[in-house]
């Protein structure tokens, strides 16, 4: 929760707090950290960004959405069934 937090974590916390105005900052950090660790943007058990997290932290929201959509398109073309739900993602 300091200035040394990765950019992607700061953006996630800001987004979570915008969507839930009554939420405490500590809760938003916990949710953001957990979600980003599951997606591989932060190392497990820490708030250190992985290479992927550093790269995605430098992107805007729109750019992250475009790269995610491109990834899903490539997977569909390869015949992989998409069972993920993107409605709850950051």
C-alpha atoms as a PDB file:
ATOM      1  CA  UNK A   1       0.000   0.000   0.000  1.00  0.00           C
ATOM      2  CA  UNK A   2       2.895   2.319  -0.627  1.00  0.00           C
ATOM      3  CA  UNK A   3       4.216   4.192  -3.635  1.00  0.00           C
ATOM      4  CA  UNK A   4       6.356   1.169  -4.534  1.00  0.00           C
ATOM      5  CA  UNK A   5       3.291  -0.922  -5.436  1.00  0.00           C
ATOM      6  CA  UNK A   6       3.232  -2.113  -9.046  1.00  0.00           C
ATOM      7  CA  UNK A   7       1.273   0.085 -11.452  1.00  0.00           C
ATOM      8  CA  UNK A   8      -1.131  -2.725 -12.287  1.00  0.00           C
ATOM      9  CA  UNK A   9      -2.016  -3.146  -8.595  1.00  0.00           C
ATOM     10  CA  UNK A  10      -2.576   0.602  -8.128  1.00  0.00           C
ATOM     11  CA  UNK A  11      -4.840   0.648 -11.198  1.00  0.00           C
ATOM     12  CA  UNK A  12      -6.773  -2.394  -9.975  1.00  0.00           C
ATOM     13  CA  UNK A  13      -7.315  -0.881  -6.509  1.00  0.00           C
ATOM     14  CA  UNK A  14      -8.451   2.402  -8.055  1.00  0.00           C
ATOM     15  CA  UNK A  15     -10.902   0.533 -10.306  1.00  0.00           C
ATOM     16  CA  UNK A  16     -12.263  -1.558  -7.412  1.00  0.00           C
ATOM     17  CA  UNK A  17     -12.769   1.501  -5.220  1.00  0.00           C
ATOM     18  CA  UNK A  18     -14.514   3.382  -8.058  1.00  0.00           C
ATOM     19  CA  UNK A  19     -16.980   0.516  -8.477  1.00  0.00           C
ATOM     20  CA  UNK A  20     -17.517   0.132  -4.694  1.00  0.00           C
ATOM     21  CA  UNK A  21     -17.391   3.597  -3.063  1.00  0.00           C
ATOM     22  CA  UNK A  22     -17.970   2.317   0.484  1.00  0.00           C
ATOM     23  CA  UNK A  23     -15.142  -0.247   0.394  1.00  0.00           C
ATOM     24  CA  UNK A  24     -12.054   0.312   2.529  1.00  0.00           C
ATOM     25  CA  UNK A  25      -8.700   0.685   0.843  1.00  0.00           C
ATOM     26  CA  UNK A  26      -7.355  -2.389   2.663  1.00  0.00           C
ATOM     27  CA  UNK A  27     -10.180  -4.543   1.289  1.00  0.00           C
ATOM     28  CA  UNK A  28      -9.610  -3.214  -2.227  1.00  0.00           C
ATOM     29  CA  UNK A  29      -5.887  -4.049  -1.965  1.00  0.00           C
ATOM     30  CA  UNK A  30      -6.691  -7.571  -0.747  1.00  0.00           C
ATOM     31  CA  UNK A  31      -9.111  -8.197  -3.616  1.00  0.00           C
ATOM     32  CA  UNK A  32      -6.775  -6.674  -6.205  1.00  0.00           C
ATOM     33  CA  UNK A  33      -3.761  -8.630  -4.954  1.00  0.00           C
ATOM     34  CA  UNK A  34      -5.662 -11.912  -4.917  1.00  0.00           C
ATOM     35  CA  UNK A  35      -7.088 -11.414  -8.408  1.00  0.00           C
ATOM     36  CA  UNK A  36      -3.769 -10.350  -9.925  1.00  0.00           C
ATOM     37  CA  UNK A  37      -1.934 -13.281  -8.315  1.00  0.00           C
ATOM     38  CA  UNK A  38      -4.468 -15.698  -9.818  1.00  0.00           C
ATOM     39  CA  UNK A  39      -3.997 -14.174 -13.266  1.00  0.00           C
ATOM     40  CA  UNK A  40      -0.197 -14.291 -13.017  1.00  0.00           C
ATOM     41  CA  UNK A  41       0.385 -10.533 -12.913  1.00  0.00           C
ATOM     42  CA  UNK A  42       1.760 -10.670  -9.344  1.00  0.00           C
ATOM     43  CA  UNK A  43       3.969 -13.305  -7.743  1.00  0.00           C
ATOM     44  CA  UNK A  44       2.176 -15.694  -5.371  1.00  0.00           C
ATOM     45  CA  UNK A  45       2.263 -14.532  -1.743  1.00  0.00           C
ATOM     46  CA  UNK A  46       3.718 -11.092  -2.552  1.00  0.00           C
ATOM     47  CA  UNK A  47       2.811  -7.871  -4.279  1.00  0.00           C
ATOM     48  CA  UNK A  48       5.811  -8.023  -6.640  1.00  0.00           C
ATOM     49  CA  UNK A  49       4.904  -7.779 -10.309  1.00  0.00           C
ATOM     50  CA  UNK A  50       5.920 -10.539 -12.706  1.00  0.00           C
ATOM     51  CA  UNK A  51       7.261  -9.654 -16.157  1.00  0.00           C
ATOM     52  CA  UNK A  52       3.704 -10.008 -17.458  1.00  0.00           C
ATOM     53  CA  UNK A  53       2.418  -7.723 -14.697  1.00  0.00           C
ATOM     54  CA  UNK A  54       5.043  -5.067 -15.436  1.00  0.00           C
ATOM     55  CA  UNK A  55       4.207  -5.182 -19.134  1.00  0.00           C
ATOM     56  CA  UNK A  56       0.450  -4.991 -18.505  1.00  0.00           C
ATOM     57  CA  UNK A  57       0.881  -2.258 -15.878  1.00  0.00           C
ATOM     58  CA  UNK A  58       2.326   0.007 -18.544  1.00  0.00           C
ATOM     59  CA  UNK A  59      -0.739  -0.519 -20.770  1.00  0.00           C
ATOM     60  CA  UNK A  60      -3.970   1.434 -20.665  1.00  0.00           C
ATOM     61  CA  UNK A  61      -7.262  -0.317 -19.892  1.00  0.00           C
ATOM     62  CA  UNK A  62      -8.189  -0.268 -23.573  1.00  0.00           C
ATOM     63  CA  UNK A  63      -4.864  -1.785 -24.638  1.00  0.00           C
ATOM     64  CA  UNK A  64      -5.175  -4.562 -22.037  1.00  0.00           C
ATOM     65  CA  UNK A  65      -8.683  -5.328 -23.332  1.00  0.00           C
ATOM     66  CA  UNK A  66      -7.425  -5.474 -26.931  1.00  0.00           C
ATOM     67  CA  UNK A  67      -4.586  -7.875 -26.093  1.00  0.00           C
ATOM     68  CA  UNK A  68      -6.966 -10.069 -24.080  1.00  0.00           C
ATOM     69  CA  UNK A  69      -9.456 -10.169 -26.977  1.00  0.00           C
ATOM     70  CA  UNK A  70      -6.662 -11.004 -29.420  1.00  0.00           C
ATOM     71  CA  UNK A  71      -5.534 -13.883 -27.182  1.00  0.00           C
ATOM     72  CA  UNK A  72      -9.072 -15.281 -27.002  1.00  0.00           C
ATOM     73  CA  UNK A  73      -9.435 -14.997 -30.793  1.00  0.00           C
ATOM     74  CA  UNK A  74      -6.213 -16.962 -31.358  1.00  0.00           C
ATOM     75  CA  UNK A  75      -7.371 -19.647 -28.920  1.00  0.00           C
ATOM     76  CA  UNK A  76     -10.747 -19.944 -30.671  1.00  0.00           C
ATOM     77  CA  UNK A  77      -9.018 -20.316 -34.031  1.00  0.00           C
ATOM     78  CA  UNK A  78      -6.970 -23.178 -32.593  1.00  0.00           C
ATOM     79  CA  UNK A  79     -10.167 -24.885 -31.459  1.00  0.00           C
ATOM     80  CA  UNK A  80      -9.737 -24.336 -27.732  1.00  0.00           C
ATOM     81  CA  UNK A  81     -13.077 -24.002 -25.964  1.00  0.00           C
ATOM     82  CA  UNK A  82     -13.325 -20.773 -23.948  1.00  0.00           C
ATOM     83  CA  UNK A  83     -14.856 -21.596 -20.565  1.00  0.00           C
ATOM     84  CA  UNK A  84     -13.734 -18.416 -18.850  1.00  0.00           C
ATOM     85  CA  UNK A  85     -16.097 -15.775 -17.553  1.00  0.00           C
ATOM     86  CA  UNK A  86     -14.750 -12.282 -18.128  1.00  0.00           C
ATOM     87  CA  UNK A  87     -17.623 -10.499 -16.406  1.00  0.00           C
ATOM     88  CA  UNK A  88     -15.851 -10.335 -13.031  1.00  0.00           C
ATOM     89  CA  UNK A  89     -12.337  -9.594 -14.215  1.00  0.00           C
ATOM     90  CA  UNK A  90     -10.474  -6.326 -13.761  1.00  0.00           C
END
